[in-house]
Amino acid sequence: MAEFTMDLNDEQKEVRDWLHGFAADVIRPAAAEWDEREETPWPVIQEAAKIGIYSLDFYAQQFFDPTGLGIPMAMEELFWGDAGIALSIVGTGLAAVGVLANGTEEQIGTWIPQMYGDANDVKVAAFCSSEPDAGSDVASMRTRAVYDAAKDEWVLNGTKTWATNGGIANVHVVVAVVDPELGSKGHASFIVPPNTPGLSQGQKFKKHGIRASHTAEVVLEDARVPGSCLLGGKDKLDERMARARERAKAGGGERVKNAAMATFEASRPAVGAMAVGTARAAYEEALEYARTRTQFGRPIIDNQGVAFQLADMRTQIDAARLLVWRASWMAATGKKFESAEGSMSKLFASETAKKVTGQAIQILGGNGFTREYPVERMHRDAAIYTIFEGTSEIQRLVIARTLSGLPIR
């Protein structure tokens, strides 16, 4: 078991510096353009694929880093470059995690490579869980999956929303209700292969931030997928459903995780790392501005009102990183989140990103409020971290329930 340490080894440092160089040389120069265009930055994704950043191999190497620090380190550097473009590069990862968390070895080997494509023909994937009436309340999900035994096919009907890469993805991973009577325990995840009839893109959202990342509705109308596309397989699903029904009859019992929650729990520290990257970028912009901007004959950093803000910003960023790294290390070494450490990391890092980017605008003053300086974009981007993959309120609920052992509402 890897011991927790703040010292990156030589290989990790090399990867960090490589990613930082790509973020500085490729992502940042393109950030403002793709934010304005509000389109998927395919040329940047292709550049990432050419050098091996956008690939199954790269993410597998980081995912299986025994210290757990590979993924958060990578997320921080890419999102330091720009959140919208970085999310376009890593957005496929959520669908891949969904398959890794719930799929068989055969499903993992078959579908994850198709999510990425190759450097000459890059593809993306989408994880589809949220619905117009079911965001944080996953038990209200209405998308149905009905098994057609005669054809060994699942028939999917419903509408998903807020799907990163939704509709433009080569592979969609869709969470659907199999047994409505079991609530969230009656859910399962399905692969929807490329060009499946009945799957279409609905509304594409025009967003406040992360504009370079495609977000849209995914509409499923009698979309038929082979029985082999049920993640984990039907035998495993039937066993899980039977246990859930028995527990329901007995009046409760051990909690059963559903497919969507298993994916989110695995990805929350990574989202925290994204937030750390955005916060760090804004802090560095504010620090440099405060050093060079003069008022009343001296740099504005010479004023306590500015200097103390910067001190607080740096302290909060480092604290957020520590929580993210701790949670990532715990997950990699098999330690249970007994105090909801994963949710803690996502909560604190998300709130830190919103606060720090707002302080950066304040330090830059009027300049910070314009699109001539990147902190305005960073502040817009940071708003998403307290919303997606579990709002801050949901994170607090998870933490409170874990600490108290009570079903707090």
Foldseek 3Di string as FASTA:
>chain_A
DDDADPDDDPVLVVVLVVLLVLLVPPQQVCALVLLVVLAAPVVSLLVCQVVPNQAPVQVVVQPQPLQLCSLLSNLLSNLLSPLLNSCSSCVLVLVLLLLVLFADPVCNVPPSRLQAPGSVDGFHEKEFQADPVPAPQSLPFAWAWEADVVQQKTWTFDKTFFIFCAFRGQKYKYKHAHDNVLRLLRIFIFIQHGPFPQKHWDDWDCALASSNITTTMIGGDRGIDHQNRTGNGDVVSVVSVVVSVVCVVVPHDDDDHHSLVSSLLLCLLSLLSSLLSLLVSLLVLLVVQQQPDDDPHHRNCVDCVSVVLSVVLVVLSVVLVVLSSVSSSCVSNVHDPLQLSSLVSLLSSLVSSLVSLVSSLVSVDPVSCDPVDCSVNSNSHSVCSCPPSAHSVRSVQVNVCSVPVDNDD
